[in-house]
Amino acid sequence: MVKAEESELISRCQQGDQEALKEIFNLYHQKVYRIAYGVVRQREDALDIVQEVFIKLYRSIKNFKGKSSFYTYLYRMTLNQAIDYSRKAKKSLFSRPTWEKEPEPVDEETQRPDSQAAQKQFEERVRKAMEKLSEDQRAVLILREIEGLSYHEIAEVMECSLGTVMSRIHYGRKRLRELLKEEWKG
């Protein structure tokens, strides 16, 4: 989306235009879901977080001054909401298991069964290893590797220095490699 179009949508939303909010939702809800799911690892919880993020956005959009990109503003809101949700779930005595596999669409015609099985096994091992990373390491890896954000964008979203981002990515990748090596040996 062109910046001018995004600015117009934000302006309309700030004036209470619910159609503009719907357009923003349609543009960003999948990205918001991926970030939320990456943190909480539960489909239903991630969907709840998406809903909460857009409710918060509707209530707080008037406070958006454009000092950062809207993308950064929304991602920071999403990350905060997901981390808060995750922390609350950990405190709950009745929380669900921390790992629930998100179903992935598969093109049945182009993938052989043995290839599909190997891919699913690999994805499961990566998911289990990612779960063992700290919240900060997992968040920066999701933002970098899945969402494709630059180090500067991640620093802005995470509200930390560029050096901290680089360190978290470095140590997160290193820990992920170690965990995957252990998983493949075991």
C-alpha atoms as a PDB file:
ATOM      1  CA  MET A   1       0.000   0.000   0.000  1.00  0.00           C
ATOM      2  CA  VAL A   2       1.222   3.461  -0.846  1.00  0.00           C
ATOM      3  CA  LYS A   3       2.037   5.653   2.181  1.00  0.00           C
ATOM      4  CA  ALA A   4      -0.459   8.310   1.057  1.00  0.00           C
ATOM      5  CA  GLU A   5      -3.285   5.750   0.898  1.00  0.00           C
ATOM      6  CA  GLU A   6      -2.312   4.395   4.311  1.00  0.00           C
ATOM      7  CA  SER A   7      -2.215   7.934   5.742  1.00  0.00           C
ATOM      8  CA  GLU A   8      -5.680   8.617   4.373  1.00  0.00           C
ATOM      9  CA  LEU A   9      -7.014   5.387   5.919  1.00  0.00           C
ATOM     10  CA  ILE A  10      -5.478   6.282   9.272  1.00  0.00           C
ATOM     11  CA  SER A  11      -6.900   9.785   9.102  1.00  0.00           C
ATOM     12  CA  ARG A  12     -10.359   8.443   8.276  1.00  0.00           C
ATOM     13  CA  CYS A  13     -10.055   5.938  11.104  1.00  0.00           C
ATOM     14  CA  GLN A  14      -9.026   8.705  13.527  1.00  0.00           C
ATOM     15  CA  GLN A  15     -12.235  10.521  12.576  1.00  0.00           C
ATOM     16  CA  GLY A  16     -14.283   7.427  13.524  1.00  0.00           C
ATOM     17  CA  ASP A  17     -14.802   5.953  10.045  1.00  0.00           C
ATOM     18  CA  GLN A  18     -15.479   2.273  10.710  1.00  0.00           C
ATOM     19  CA  GLU A  19     -15.098   1.378   7.017  1.00  0.00           C
ATOM     20  CA  ALA A  20     -11.505   2.639   7.216  1.00  0.00           C
ATOM     21  CA  LEU A  21     -10.906   0.391  10.230  1.00  0.00           C
ATOM     22  CA  LYS A  22     -12.289  -2.552   8.248  1.00  0.00           C
ATOM     23  CA  GLU A  23      -9.861  -1.765   5.440  1.00  0.00           C
ATOM     24  CA  ILE A  24      -6.957  -1.583   7.899  1.00  0.00           C
ATOM     25  CA  PHE A  25      -8.110  -4.888   9.381  1.00  0.00           C
ATOM     26  CA  ASN A  26      -8.240  -6.488   5.933  1.00  0.00           C
ATOM     27  CA  LEU A  27      -4.743  -5.235   5.136  1.00  0.00           C
ATOM     28  CA  TYR A  28      -3.053  -6.285   8.373  1.00  0.00           C
ATOM     29  CA  HIS A  29      -5.003  -9.026  10.160  1.00  0.00           C
ATOM     30  CA  GLN A  30      -2.979 -11.914   8.702  1.00  0.00           C
ATOM     31  CA  LYS A  31       0.328 -10.343   9.708  1.00  0.00           C
ATOM     32  CA  VAL A  32      -1.023  -9.567  13.171  1.00  0.00           C
ATOM     33  CA  TYR A  33      -2.179 -13.187  13.481  1.00  0.00           C
ATOM     34  CA  ARG A  34       1.248 -14.552  12.494  1.00  0.00           C
ATOM     35  CA  ILE A  35       2.992 -12.436  15.113  1.00  0.00           C
ATOM     36  CA  ALA A  36       0.472 -13.377  17.796  1.00  0.00           C
ATOM     37  CA  TYR A  37       0.621 -17.069  16.900  1.00  0.00           C
ATOM     38  CA  GLY A  38       4.403 -16.977  16.928  1.00  0.00           C
ATOM     39  CA  VAL A  39       4.322 -15.837  20.543  1.00  0.00           C
ATOM     40  CA  VAL A  40       1.387 -17.767  22.055  1.00  0.00           C
ATOM     41  CA  ARG A  41       1.429 -20.914  19.885  1.00  0.00           C
ATOM     42  CA  GLN A  42      -2.314 -21.444  20.225  1.00  0.00           C
ATOM     43  CA  ARG A  43      -4.658 -20.786  17.306  1.00  0.00           C
ATOM     44  CA  GLU A  44      -7.599 -19.680  19.442  1.00  0.00           C
ATOM     45  CA  ASP A  45      -5.425 -17.490  21.637  1.00  0.00           C
ATOM     46  CA  ALA A  46      -3.840 -15.881  18.574  1.00  0.00           C
ATOM     47  CA  LEU A  47      -7.296 -15.144  17.161  1.00  0.00           C
ATOM     48  CA  ASP A  48      -8.307 -13.590  20.505  1.00  0.00           C
ATOM     49  CA  ILE A  49      -5.186 -11.436  20.408  1.00  0.00           C
ATOM     50  CA  VAL A  50      -5.968 -10.275  16.856  1.00  0.00           C
ATOM     51  CA  GLN A  51      -9.404  -9.222  18.033  1.00  0.00           C
ATOM     52  CA  GLU A  52      -7.980  -7.422  21.070  1.00  0.00           C
ATOM     53  CA  VAL A  53      -5.341  -5.650  18.975  1.00  0.00           C
ATOM     54  CA  PHE A  54      -7.911  -4.234  16.588  1.00  0.00           C
ATOM     55  CA  ILE A  55     -10.186  -3.200  19.444  1.00  0.00           C
ATOM     56  CA  LYS A  56      -7.220  -1.412  21.068  1.00  0.00           C
ATOM     57  CA  LEU A  57      -6.301   0.096  17.713  1.00  0.00           C
ATOM     58  CA  TYR A  58      -9.815   1.475  17.290  1.00  0.00           C
ATOM     59  CA  ARG A  59      -9.673   3.009  20.760  1.00  0.00           C
ATOM     60  CA  SER A  60      -6.145   4.401  20.468  1.00  0.00           C
ATOM     61  CA  ILE A  61      -5.808   5.341  16.784  1.00  0.00           C
ATOM     62  CA  LYS A  62      -6.427   8.977  17.680  1.00  0.00           C
ATOM     63  CA  ASN A  63      -3.142   8.889  19.625  1.00  0.00           C
ATOM     64  CA  PHE A  64      -1.149   7.776  16.579  1.00  0.00           C
ATOM     65  CA  LYS A  65       0.954  10.789  15.592  1.00  0.00           C
ATOM     66  CA  GLY A  66       3.002   9.239  12.812  1.00  0.00           C
ATOM     67  CA  LYS A  67       6.336   9.416  14.647  1.00  0.00           C
ATOM     68  CA  SER A  68       6.932   5.825  13.570  1.00  0.00           C
ATOM     69  CA  SER A  69       5.428   3.990  10.649  1.00  0.00           C
ATOM     70  CA  PHE A  70       1.914   2.681  11.164  1.00  0.00           C
ATOM     71  CA  TYR A  71       3.273  -0.803  10.511  1.00  0.00           C
ATOM     72  CA  THR A  72       5.672  -0.437  13.445  1.00  0.00           C
ATOM     73  CA  TYR A  73       2.940   1.002  15.665  1.00  0.00           C
ATOM     74  CA  LEU A  74       0.602  -1.922  14.948  1.00  0.00           C
ATOM     75  CA  TYR A  75       3.327  -4.540  15.336  1.00  0.00           C
ATOM     76  CA  ARG A  76       4.433  -3.114  18.659  1.00  0.00           C
ATOM     77  CA  MET A  77       0.823  -3.196  19.846  1.00  0.00           C
ATOM     78  CA  THR A  78       0.493  -6.805  18.660  1.00  0.00           C
ATOM     79  CA  LEU A  79       3.721  -7.934  20.249  1.00  0.00           C
ATOM     80  CA  ASN A  80       2.842  -6.290  23.575  1.00  0.00           C
ATOM     81  CA  GLN A  81      -0.621  -7.844  23.565  1.00  0.00           C
ATOM     82  CA  ALA A  82       0.736 -11.304  22.700  1.00  0.00           C
ATOM     83  CA  ILE A  83       3.485 -11.167  25.325  1.00  0.00           C
ATOM     84  CA  ASP A  84       1.021  -9.969  27.988  1.00  0.00           C
ATOM     85  CA  TYR A  85      -1.370 -12.751  27.012  1.00  0.00           C
ATOM     86  CA  SER A  86       1.444 -15.301  27.141  1.00  0.00           C
ATOM     87  CA  ARG A  87       2.556 -14.154  30.596  1.00  0.00           C
ATOM     88  CA  LYS A  88      -0.995 -14.348  31.935  1.00  0.00           C
ATOM     89  CA  ALA A  89      -1.416 -17.850  30.492  1.00  0.00           C
ATOM     90  CA  LYS A  90       1.785 -19.016  32.196  1.00  0.00           C
ATOM     91  CA  LYS A  91       0.449 -17.822  35.549  1.00  0.00           C
ATOM     92  CA  SER A  92      -2.806 -19.703  35.063  1.00  0.00           C
ATOM     93  CA  LEU A  93      -3.012 -23.112  36.724  1.00  0.00           C
ATOM     94  CA  PHE A  94      -5.382 -24.294  34.042  1.00  0.00           C
ATOM     95  CA  SER A  95      -3.516 -23.169  30.940  1.00  0.00           C
ATOM     96  CA  ARG A  96      -3.531 -25.441  27.919  1.00  0.00           C
ATOM     97  CA  PRO A  97      -0.385 -27.190  26.709  1.00  0.00           C
ATOM     98  CA  THR A  98       2.087 -24.699  25.283  1.00  0.00           C
ATOM     99  CA  TRP A  99       2.289 -26.391  21.932  1.00  0.00           C
ATOM    100  CA  GLU A 100      -0.527 -26.721  19.442  1.00  0.00           C
ATOM    101  CA  LYS A 101       0.344 -27.269  15.816  1.00  0.00           C
ATOM    102  CA  GLU A 102      -1.128 -24.721  13.432  1.00  0.00           C
ATOM    103  CA  PRO A 103      -2.421 -26.539  10.355  1.00  0.00           C
ATOM    104  CA  GLU A 104      -0.639 -25.514   7.186  1.00  0.00           C
ATOM    105  CA  PRO A 105      -2.240 -25.586   3.741  1.00  0.00           C
ATOM    106  CA  VAL A 106      -0.599 -28.212   1.539  1.00  0.00           C
ATOM    107  CA  ASP A 107      -0.657 -28.488  -2.231  1.00  0.00           C
ATOM    108  CA  GLU A 108      -1.408 -32.208  -2.422  1.00  0.00           C
ATOM    109  CA  GLU A 109      -0.680 -32.523  -6.147  1.00  0.00           C
ATOM    110  CA  THR A 110       2.876 -31.207  -6.060  1.00  0.00           C
ATOM    111  CA  GLN A 111       4.157 -32.888  -2.909  1.00  0.00           C
ATOM    112  CA  ARG A 112       5.000 -36.553  -2.591  1.00  0.00           C
ATOM    113  CA  PRO A 113       3.892 -38.300   0.624  1.00  0.00           C
ATOM    114  CA  ASP A 114       7.464 -39.028   1.745  1.00  0.00           C
ATOM    115  CA  SER A 115       8.429 -35.412   1.111  1.00  0.00           C
ATOM    116  CA  GLN A 116       5.351 -34.215   2.998  1.00  0.00           C
ATOM    117  CA  ALA A 117       6.157 -36.421   5.975  1.00  0.00           C
ATOM    118  CA  ALA A 118       9.767 -35.208   6.115  1.00  0.00           C
ATOM    119  CA  GLN A 119       8.652 -31.578   5.840  1.00  0.00           C
ATOM    120  CA  LYS A 120       6.072 -31.994   8.603  1.00  0.00           C
ATOM    121  CA  GLN A 121       8.645 -33.689  10.834  1.00  0.00           C
ATOM    122  CA  PHE A 122      11.127 -30.878  10.225  1.00  0.00           C
ATOM    123  CA  GLU A 123       8.518 -28.175  10.895  1.00  0.00           C
ATOM    124  CA  GLU A 124       7.480 -29.894  14.128  1.00  0.00           C
ATOM    125  CA  ARG A 125      11.076 -30.041  15.340  1.00  0.00           C
ATOM    126  CA  VAL A 126      11.613 -26.365  14.527  1.00  0.00           C
ATOM    127  CA  ARG A 127       8.394 -25.424  16.345  1.00  0.00           C
ATOM    128  CA  LYS A 128       9.417 -27.389  19.438  1.00  0.00           C
ATOM    129  CA  ALA A 129      12.867 -25.792  19.390  1.00  0.00           C
ATOM    130  CA  MET A 130      11.382 -22.286  18.945  1.00  0.00           C
ATOM    131  CA  GLU A 131       9.192 -22.888  21.975  1.00  0.00           C
ATOM    132  CA  LYS A 132      12.318 -23.359  24.107  1.00  0.00           C
ATOM    133  CA  LEU A 133      13.757 -19.949  23.173  1.00  0.00           C
ATOM    134  CA  SER A 134      13.194 -16.924  25.391  1.00  0.00           C
ATOM    135  CA  GLU A 135      10.224 -14.721  24.464  1.00  0.00           C
ATOM    136  CA  ASP A 136      12.578 -11.986  23.246  1.00  0.00           C
ATOM    137  CA  GLN A 137      14.642 -14.339  21.074  1.00  0.00           C
ATOM    138  CA  ARG A 138      11.537 -15.976  19.639  1.00  0.00           C
ATOM    139  CA  ALA A 139       9.965 -12.575  18.914  1.00  0.00           C
ATOM    140  CA  VAL A 140      13.001 -11.178  17.062  1.00  0.00           C
ATOM    141  CA  LEU A 141      13.400 -14.369  15.028  1.00  0.00           C
ATOM    142  CA  ILE A 142       9.739 -14.281  14.022  1.00  0.00           C
ATOM    143  CA  LEU A 143       9.967 -10.619  13.076  1.00  0.00           C
ATOM    144  CA  ARG A 144      13.179 -11.182  11.087  1.00  0.00           C
ATOM    145  CA  GLU A 145      12.751 -14.623   9.531  1.00  0.00           C
ATOM    146  CA  ILE A 146       8.990 -14.854   9.064  1.00  0.00           C
ATOM    147  CA  GLU A 147       7.886 -11.252   8.724  1.00  0.00           C
ATOM    148  CA  GLY A 148      11.060 -10.067   6.986  1.00  0.00           C
ATOM    149  CA  LEU A 149      11.547  -6.913   9.036  1.00  0.00           C
ATOM    150  CA  SER A 150      14.915  -5.158   8.941  1.00  0.00           C
ATOM    151  CA  TYR A 151      17.033  -4.942  12.076  1.00  0.00           C
ATOM    152  CA  HIS A 152      16.106  -1.248  12.377  1.00  0.00           C
ATOM    153  CA  GLU A 153      12.388  -2.030  12.117  1.00  0.00           C
ATOM    154  CA  ILE A 154      12.725  -4.762  14.742  1.00  0.00           C
ATOM    155  CA  ALA A 155      14.541  -2.354  17.074  1.00  0.00           C
ATOM    156  CA  GLU A 156      11.700   0.122  16.655  1.00  0.00           C
ATOM    157  CA  VAL A 157       9.007  -2.516  17.200  1.00  0.00           C
ATOM    158  CA  MET A 158      10.758  -4.080  20.189  1.00  0.00           C
ATOM    159  CA  GLU A 159      11.729  -0.666  21.588  1.00  0.00           C
ATOM    160  CA  CYS A 160      15.355  -1.635  22.056  1.00  0.00           C
ATOM    161  CA  SER A 161      18.704  -0.771  20.529  1.00  0.00           C
ATOM    162  CA  LEU A 162      19.976  -2.113  17.233  1.00  0.00           C
ATOM    163  CA  GLY A 163      22.777  -3.874  19.121  1.00  0.00           C
ATOM    164  CA  THR A 164      20.241  -5.635  21.338  1.00  0.00           C
ATOM    165  CA  VAL A 165      18.328  -6.820  18.279  1.00  0.00           C
ATOM    166  CA  MET A 166      21.498  -8.114  16.662  1.00  0.00           C
ATOM    167  CA  SER A 167      22.492  -9.889  19.861  1.00  0.00           C
ATOM    168  CA  ARG A 168      19.069 -11.489  20.335  1.00  0.00           C
ATOM    169  CA  ILE A 169      19.023 -12.682  16.740  1.00  0.00           C
ATOM    170  CA  HIS A 170      22.570 -14.039  16.982  1.00  0.00           C
ATOM    171  CA  TYR A 171      22.014 -15.889  20.261  1.00  0.00           C
ATOM    172  CA  GLY A 172      18.508 -16.965  19.235  1.00  0.00           C
ATOM    173  CA  ARG A 173      19.814 -18.544  16.023  1.00  0.00           C
ATOM    174  CA  LYS A 174      22.730 -20.121  17.902  1.00  0.00           C
ATOM    175  CA  ARG A 175      20.376 -21.603  20.525  1.00  0.00           C
ATOM    176  CA  LEU A 176      17.979 -22.771  17.821  1.00  0.00           C
ATOM    177  CA  ARG A 177      20.820 -24.583  16.017  1.00  0.00           C
ATOM    178  CA  GLU A 178      21.865 -26.256  19.302  1.00  0.00           C
ATOM    179  CA  LEU A 179      18.308 -27.337  20.049  1.00  0.00           C
ATOM    180  CA  LEU A 180      17.830 -28.726  16.547  1.00  0.00           C
ATOM    181  CA  LYS A 181      21.112 -30.653  16.739  1.00  0.00           C
ATOM    182  CA  GLU A 182      19.973 -32.188  20.036  1.00  0.00           C
ATOM    183  CA  GLU A 183      16.583 -33.004  18.510  1.00  0.00           C
ATOM    184  CA  TRP A 184      18.107 -34.723  15.468  1.00  0.00           C
ATOM    185  CA  LYS A 185      20.507 -36.761  17.617  1.00  0.00           C
ATOM    186  CA  GLY A 186      17.749 -37.829  20.008  1.00  0.00           C
END
